[in-house]
N, C-alpha and C. Protein backbone atom coordinates (compact mmCIF):
# COMPACT_ATOMS: atom_id res chain seq x y z
N MET A 1 132.00 108.55 36.99
CA MET A 1 130.59 108.66 37.29
C MET A 1 130.42 109.96 36.81
N GLU A 2 128.80 110.52 37.17
CA GLU A 2 128.18 111.12 36.70
C GLU A 2 128.37 112.68 37.38
N ASP A 3 128.61 113.55 36.79
CA ASP A 3 128.60 115.05 37.78
C ASP A 3 127.06 115.48 37.77
N ALA A 4 126.25 114.61 38.65
CA ALA A 4 124.92 114.76 39.03
C ALA A 4 125.17 116.00 40.14
N GLU A 5 125.03 117.38 39.39
CA GLU A 5 124.50 118.38 40.47
C GLU A 5 123.43 117.96 41.14
N SER A 6 123.07 118.29 42.35
CA SER A 6 121.99 119.11 42.29
C SER A 6 121.32 119.80 42.40
N PRO A 7 119.96 119.74 42.00
CA PRO A 7 119.50 121.16 41.57
C PRO A 7 120.03 121.82 42.99
N ALA A 8 120.01 123.34 42.85
CA ALA A 8 120.49 124.29 43.48
C ALA A 8 118.72 124.50 44.15
N VAL A 9 118.71 124.77 45.18
CA VAL A 9 117.93 125.15 46.50
C VAL A 9 118.11 126.64 46.72
N PRO A 10 117.05 127.10 46.22
CA PRO A 10 116.82 128.78 46.33
C PRO A 10 116.74 128.86 48.42
N VAL A 11 117.46 129.50 49.06
CA VAL A 11 117.50 130.05 49.95
C VAL A 11 116.70 131.08 50.40
N PRO A 12 115.73 131.58 51.13
CA PRO A 12 115.24 132.29 50.77
C PRO A 12 115.99 133.85 51.88
N VAL A 13 116.07 134.70 51.22
CA VAL A 13 116.63 135.67 52.04
C VAL A 13 115.93 136.71 52.32
N PRO A 14 115.96 136.87 53.66
CA PRO A 14 115.34 137.96 54.14
C PRO A 14 115.29 139.58 53.53
N VAL A 15 114.83 139.81 53.48
CA VAL A 15 114.34 141.66 52.98
C VAL A 15 113.59 141.98 53.69
N GLY A 16 114.08 143.10 54.32
CA GLY A 16 113.53 144.62 55.56
C GLY A 16 113.10 144.42 56.49
N ASP A 17 113.66 143.03 57.22
CA ASP A 17 113.47 142.28 58.08
C ASP A 17 114.32 143.48 59.69
N ASP A 18 115.27 143.57 58.81
CA ASP A 18 115.96 144.49 59.80
C ASP A 18 115.31 146.11 60.64
N ASP A 19 115.08 146.44 58.90
CA ASP A 19 114.03 147.62 59.71
C ASP A 19 112.73 147.33 60.14
N GLN A 20 111.91 146.02 60.40
CA GLN A 20 110.94 145.52 61.13
C GLN A 20 111.50 145.34 62.37
N ASP A 21 112.77 144.78 62.57
CA ASP A 21 113.29 144.46 63.99
C ASP A 21 113.58 145.68 64.84
N GLN A 22 114.21 146.87 64.34
CA GLN A 22 114.22 148.06 64.76
C GLN A 22 112.90 148.27 64.73
N ASP A 23 111.63 148.32 63.70
CA ASP A 23 110.55 148.86 64.34
C ASP A 23 110.42 149.17 66.12
N GLN A 24 110.03 147.27 65.69
CA GLN A 24 109.60 146.53 67.23
C GLN A 24 110.43 147.11 68.50
N ASP A 25 111.70 147.55 67.96
CA ASP A 25 112.94 147.52 69.11
C ASP A 25 112.05 148.89 69.63
N GLN A 26 111.71 149.73 68.64
CA GLN A 26 111.80 151.10 69.56
C GLN A 26 110.56 151.06 69.81
N ASP A 27 109.41 150.76 69.65
CA ASP A 27 108.10 150.26 70.12
C ASP A 27 107.87 150.19 71.40
N GLN A 28 109.08 148.93 71.65
CA GLN A 28 109.36 147.95 72.36
C GLN A 28 109.89 149.20 74.09
N GLU A 29 111.03 149.93 73.08
CA GLU A 29 111.63 150.52 74.07
C GLU A 29 110.83 152.06 74.81
N SER A 30 110.00 152.50 73.51
CA SER A 30 108.74 153.54 74.07
C SER A 30 107.61 152.87 75.05
N ARG A 31 107.37 151.70 74.82
CA ARG A 31 106.52 151.01 75.61
C ARG A 31 107.49 151.27 76.99
N GLN A 32 108.38 150.65 77.49
CA GLN A 32 109.10 150.80 78.97
C GLN A 32 109.59 152.16 79.19
N SER A 33 109.44 153.29 78.16
CA SER A 33 110.04 154.15 78.93
C SER A 33 108.52 154.95 79.10
N ALA A 34 107.89 154.59 78.61
CA ALA A 34 106.38 155.27 79.29
C ALA A 34 105.71 154.70 80.14
N GLN A 35 105.93 153.10 80.25
CA GLN A 35 105.38 152.19 81.73
C GLN A 35 106.40 153.25 82.83
N LEU A 36 108.10 153.52 82.70
CA LEU A 36 109.29 153.98 83.87
C LEU A 36 108.15 155.45 84.15
N ASP A 37 107.48 156.33 82.92
CA ASP A 37 107.52 157.63 83.22
C ASP A 37 106.22 157.43 84.26
N ALA A 38 104.91 156.56 83.73
CA ALA A 38 104.02 156.17 84.76
C ALA A 38 104.31 155.67 85.76
N GLU A 39 105.40 155.10 85.66
CA GLU A 39 105.69 154.38 87.75
C GLU A 39 106.06 156.04 88.27
N ALA A 40 106.76 157.38 88.03
CA ALA A 40 107.41 157.77 88.56
C ALA A 40 106.47 158.90 88.79
N GLU A 41 105.52 158.99 88.06
CA GLU A 41 104.42 159.84 87.99
C GLU A 41 103.53 159.34 89.39
N ALA A 42 103.50 158.32 89.30
CA ALA A 42 102.77 157.77 90.63
C ALA A 42 103.51 157.49 91.36
N GLU A 43 104.46 157.76 91.58
CA GLU A 43 105.37 157.95 92.99
C GLU A 43 105.24 159.01 93.51
N ARG A 44 105.71 160.55 92.30
CA ARG A 44 105.69 161.52 92.52
C ARG A 44 104.40 162.10 93.39
N PRO A 45 104.13 162.95 94.41
CA PRO A 45 102.93 163.51 95.02
C PRO A 45 102.24 164.29 93.96
N GLN A 46 101.28 164.12 93.75
CA GLN A 46 99.93 164.57 93.02
C GLN A 46 100.47 166.34 93.76
N GLN A 47 100.31 167.45 92.79
CA GLN A 47 100.01 168.80 93.24
C GLN A 47 98.39 169.28 93.11
N LYS A 48 98.61 169.69 94.04
CA LYS A 48 96.99 170.30 94.14
C LYS A 48 96.65 170.91 93.35
N LEU A 49 95.42 170.92 93.08
CA LEU A 49 95.09 171.63 91.63
C LEU A 49 94.57 173.39 92.08
N LEU A 50 94.58 173.26 93.64
CA LEU A 50 93.98 174.84 94.38
C LEU A 50 94.88 174.77 96.09
N ARG A 51 95.37 175.62 96.07
CA ARG A 51 96.25 176.01 96.90
C ARG A 51 95.55 176.70 98.73
N LEU A 52 93.84 177.36 97.83
CA LEU A 52 93.19 177.42 98.83
C LEU A 52 92.09 176.33 98.88
N PRO A 53 91.34 176.64 100.29
CA PRO A 53 90.87 175.52 100.85
C PRO A 53 89.43 175.49 100.09
N LEU A 54 88.83 174.41 99.48
CA LEU A 54 87.71 174.66 98.75
C LEU A 54 86.16 174.71 99.95
N SER A 55 86.47 174.30 101.35
CA SER A 55 85.57 174.62 102.14
C SER A 55 85.45 176.17 102.55
N ARG A 56 86.13 176.72 102.50
CA ARG A 56 86.53 177.95 102.73
C ARG A 56 85.67 179.11 101.72
N ILE A 57 86.17 178.53 100.52
CA ILE A 57 85.28 178.98 99.18
C ILE A 57 83.18 178.97 99.39
N LYS A 58 83.40 177.58 99.50
CA LYS A 58 81.87 177.30 99.75
C LYS A 58 81.20 178.46 100.65
N GLY A 59 81.87 178.43 101.89
CA GLY A 59 81.43 179.22 102.82
C GLY A 59 81.66 180.68 102.44
N LEU A 60 82.36 181.22 102.31
CA LEU A 60 82.20 182.64 101.99
C LEU A 60 81.19 182.58 100.84
N ILE A 61 80.91 182.00 99.50
CA ILE A 61 79.76 181.43 98.54
C ILE A 61 78.25 182.04 99.36
N LYS A 62 78.29 180.86 99.87
CA LYS A 62 77.29 180.33 101.18
C LYS A 62 76.44 181.94 101.98
N ALA A 63 77.63 182.82 102.05
CA ALA A 63 77.38 183.76 103.28
C ALA A 63 76.37 185.11 102.23
N ASP A 64 76.81 184.73 100.84
CA ASP A 64 75.99 185.50 100.44
C ASP A 64 74.58 184.95 100.42
N PRO A 65 73.66 186.23 100.60
CA PRO A 65 72.06 185.64 100.63
C PRO A 65 71.63 185.41 99.21
N GLU A 66 72.27 186.28 98.31
CA GLU A 66 71.59 186.20 97.02
C GLU A 66 71.74 184.52 96.40
N VAL A 67 72.75 183.97 96.69
CA VAL A 67 73.56 182.56 96.38
C VAL A 67 72.93 181.41 96.92
N THR A 68 71.96 180.92 96.09
CA THR A 68 71.19 179.54 96.97
C THR A 68 71.57 178.47 96.79
N LEU A 69 72.62 178.17 95.05
CA LEU A 69 73.13 177.00 95.20
C LEU A 69 74.53 177.74 94.26
N ALA A 70 75.98 176.62 94.64
CA ALA A 70 77.05 176.59 94.10
C ALA A 70 77.30 175.62 93.53
N SER A 71 77.86 175.09 92.52
CA SER A 71 77.93 173.35 92.05
C SER A 71 79.73 173.30 92.47
N GLN A 72 80.03 172.31 92.53
CA GLN A 72 81.37 172.56 92.87
C GLN A 72 82.44 172.84 91.61
N GLU A 73 81.99 172.60 90.80
CA GLU A 73 82.95 173.28 89.80
C GLU A 73 82.59 174.51 89.92
N ALA A 74 81.89 175.49 90.37
CA ALA A 74 81.71 176.89 90.63
C ALA A 74 82.46 177.08 91.61
N VAL A 75 82.22 176.71 92.62
CA VAL A 75 83.75 176.73 93.41
C VAL A 75 85.03 176.84 93.51
N PHE A 76 85.20 175.69 92.34
CA PHE A 76 86.69 175.64 92.24
C PHE A 76 87.02 176.85 91.40
N ALA A 77 85.80 176.62 89.98
CA ALA A 77 86.18 177.83 89.36
C ALA A 77 86.67 179.17 89.99
N ILE A 78 85.79 179.57 91.11
CA ILE A 78 86.01 181.22 91.74
C ILE A 78 87.07 180.74 92.38
N GLY A 79 87.78 179.43 93.04
CA GLY A 79 88.54 179.65 93.75
C GLY A 79 89.93 179.65 93.16
N LYS A 80 90.22 178.98 91.96
CA LYS A 80 91.41 179.40 90.63
C LYS A 80 91.46 180.84 90.37
N ALA A 81 90.30 181.27 90.36
CA ALA A 81 90.36 182.30 89.75
C ALA A 81 90.27 183.64 90.52
N THR A 82 90.28 183.73 91.90
CA THR A 82 91.10 184.22 92.99
C THR A 82 92.69 183.92 93.42
N GLU A 83 92.97 182.60 93.05
CA GLU A 83 94.62 182.67 93.00
C GLU A 83 94.66 183.21 91.74
N LEU A 84 94.81 183.43 91.05
CA LEU A 84 95.05 183.76 89.71
C LEU A 84 95.48 185.47 89.91
N PHE A 85 94.03 185.85 90.90
CA PHE A 85 94.34 187.33 91.15
C PHE A 85 95.05 187.60 92.09
N VAL A 86 94.71 187.02 93.22
CA VAL A 86 95.99 187.61 94.03
C VAL A 86 97.76 187.20 93.87
N GLU A 87 97.81 186.73 92.66
CA GLU A 87 99.49 186.24 92.37
C GLU A 87 99.24 187.24 91.12
N VAL A 88 99.05 187.96 90.27
CA VAL A 88 98.77 188.90 89.72
C VAL A 88 99.03 190.12 90.41
N ILE A 89 98.17 190.59 91.55
CA ILE A 89 98.47 191.82 92.09
C ILE A 89 99.54 192.19 93.41
N ALA A 90 100.07 190.52 93.47
CA ALA A 90 100.93 190.69 94.73
C ALA A 90 102.21 190.64 93.74
N LYS A 91 102.50 190.51 92.87
CA LYS A 91 103.75 190.48 91.91
C LYS A 91 103.23 191.95 91.46
N ASP A 92 102.42 192.68 91.51
CA ASP A 92 102.62 194.28 90.97
C ASP A 92 102.79 194.61 92.06
N ALA A 93 102.52 194.55 93.26
CA ALA A 93 103.28 194.80 94.45
C ALA A 93 104.27 195.07 94.92
N TYR A 94 104.44 193.86 94.89
CA TYR A 94 105.89 193.18 94.80
C TYR A 94 107.29 194.31 94.13
N THR A 95 106.87 194.45 92.92
CA THR A 95 107.65 194.99 92.22
C THR A 95 107.61 196.31 92.86
N PHE A 96 106.49 196.83 92.81
CA PHE A 96 106.78 198.25 93.97
C PHE A 96 107.86 198.27 95.52
N ALA A 97 107.48 197.17 96.05
CA ALA A 97 107.84 196.98 97.01
C ALA A 97 109.76 196.64 96.87
N LEU A 98 110.25 196.35 95.61
CA LEU A 98 111.60 196.17 95.58
C LEU A 98 111.95 198.03 94.46
N GLN A 99 111.50 198.26 93.91
CA GLN A 99 111.42 199.62 93.77
C GLN A 99 111.91 200.35 94.99
N ALA A 100 110.72 200.10 96.06
CA ALA A 100 111.07 201.32 97.49
C ALA A 100 112.38 200.34 97.95
N LYS A 101 113.12 199.48 97.14
CA LYS A 101 114.37 198.72 98.04
C LYS A 101 114.03 197.78 99.56
N ARG A 102 112.80 196.96 99.11
CA ARG A 102 111.81 196.56 100.55
C ARG A 102 111.88 195.53 99.66
N LYS A 103 112.01 193.97 100.54
CA LYS A 103 111.07 192.71 100.26
C LYS A 103 110.12 192.90 100.48
N THR A 104 108.86 193.18 101.98
CA THR A 104 108.17 192.83 102.27
C THR A 104 106.88 194.27 101.76
N ILE A 105 106.12 193.43 101.14
CA ILE A 105 104.98 194.25 100.63
C ILE A 105 103.79 194.88 101.57
N GLN A 106 104.10 196.33 101.25
CA GLN A 106 102.94 197.15 102.47
C GLN A 106 102.01 197.40 101.28
N ARG A 107 100.88 197.93 102.29
CA ARG A 107 99.52 198.62 101.95
C ARG A 107 99.51 199.30 100.64
N LYS A 108 100.50 200.51 100.80
CA LYS A 108 100.97 201.01 100.31
C LYS A 108 101.03 200.56 98.59
N ASP A 109 102.08 199.88 98.93
CA ASP A 109 102.57 198.75 97.58
C ASP A 109 101.09 198.61 96.95
N LEU A 110 100.07 197.84 97.62
CA LEU A 110 98.98 197.38 97.09
C LEU A 110 98.32 198.63 96.32
N ASP A 111 98.45 199.57 97.04
CA ASP A 111 97.55 201.07 96.76
C ASP A 111 98.06 201.43 95.51
N ASN A 112 99.82 201.51 95.44
CA ASN A 112 100.85 202.27 93.94
C ASN A 112 99.91 200.81 92.61
N ALA A 113 100.20 199.18 93.02
CA ALA A 113 99.51 198.72 92.32
C ALA A 113 98.11 198.82 91.67
N ILE A 114 97.37 199.40 92.55
CA ILE A 114 96.03 199.40 92.20
C ILE A 114 95.92 200.82 91.33
N ASP A 115 96.44 201.27 91.81
CA ASP A 115 96.64 202.91 90.50
C ASP A 115 97.23 203.06 89.57
N ALA A 116 97.99 201.78 89.19
CA ALA A 116 99.23 201.70 88.10
C ALA A 116 98.36 201.24 87.29
N ALA A 117 98.10 199.65 87.36
CA ALA A 117 97.07 198.95 86.11
C ALA A 117 95.81 199.13 86.23
N ASP A 118 95.27 199.24 85.37
CA ASP A 118 93.73 199.40 84.53
C ASP A 118 92.94 198.24 85.24
N GLU A 119 93.56 197.51 84.86
CA GLU A 119 92.97 196.47 85.34
C GLU A 119 92.14 196.20 86.67
N PHE A 120 92.63 197.28 87.76
CA PHE A 120 92.93 197.12 89.50
C PHE A 120 91.47 198.29 89.36
N ALA A 121 91.69 199.01 88.55
CA ALA A 121 90.52 199.98 88.82
C ALA A 121 89.37 200.20 89.39
N PHE A 122 88.94 199.18 89.45
CA PHE A 122 87.50 198.43 90.87
C PHE A 122 87.72 198.43 91.51
N LEU A 123 88.97 198.19 92.36
CA LEU A 123 89.70 198.11 93.20
C LEU A 123 89.97 199.46 94.29
N GLU A 124 89.85 200.43 93.44
CA GLU A 124 90.17 201.83 93.76
C GLU A 124 89.52 202.03 95.39
N GLY A 125 89.85 202.75 96.12
CA GLY A 125 89.26 203.07 96.88
C GLY A 125 88.79 202.10 98.22
N THR A 126 88.95 200.65 97.65
CA THR A 126 88.58 199.83 98.85
C THR A 126 89.59 199.59 100.24
N LEU A 127 90.03 200.24 99.47
CA LEU A 127 91.50 199.60 100.77
C LEU A 127 91.58 200.67 102.09
N GLU A 128 90.98 202.02 101.78
CA GLU A 128 90.36 203.13 102.73
C GLU A 128 89.26 202.69 103.76
């Protein structure tokens, strides 16, 4: 018999498929993670942007006879600025209350906070 070897057929060997598979797996995992994050965010109650009621702020703005119109954005900006102002002055006043070994803010704590910080100089004499 003739030793007739059949011609060797080259078998393609995949090169770099492992890296591609890993990239696809990572992409799929990140998409699943993003989807789970979005679902968790939807389940969580939305935190309010403002704690002060916009209708009250708008009413205070309208009480000024010099103001004829106020956009919703302006009302929101004034409300946010008011919240930040109250937060800062309350923290400063609370610091003075703690120094006096109290947990309750009193008028004298506000007076001390106003006198101590230059940023509150415009308030001097308003509580009298």
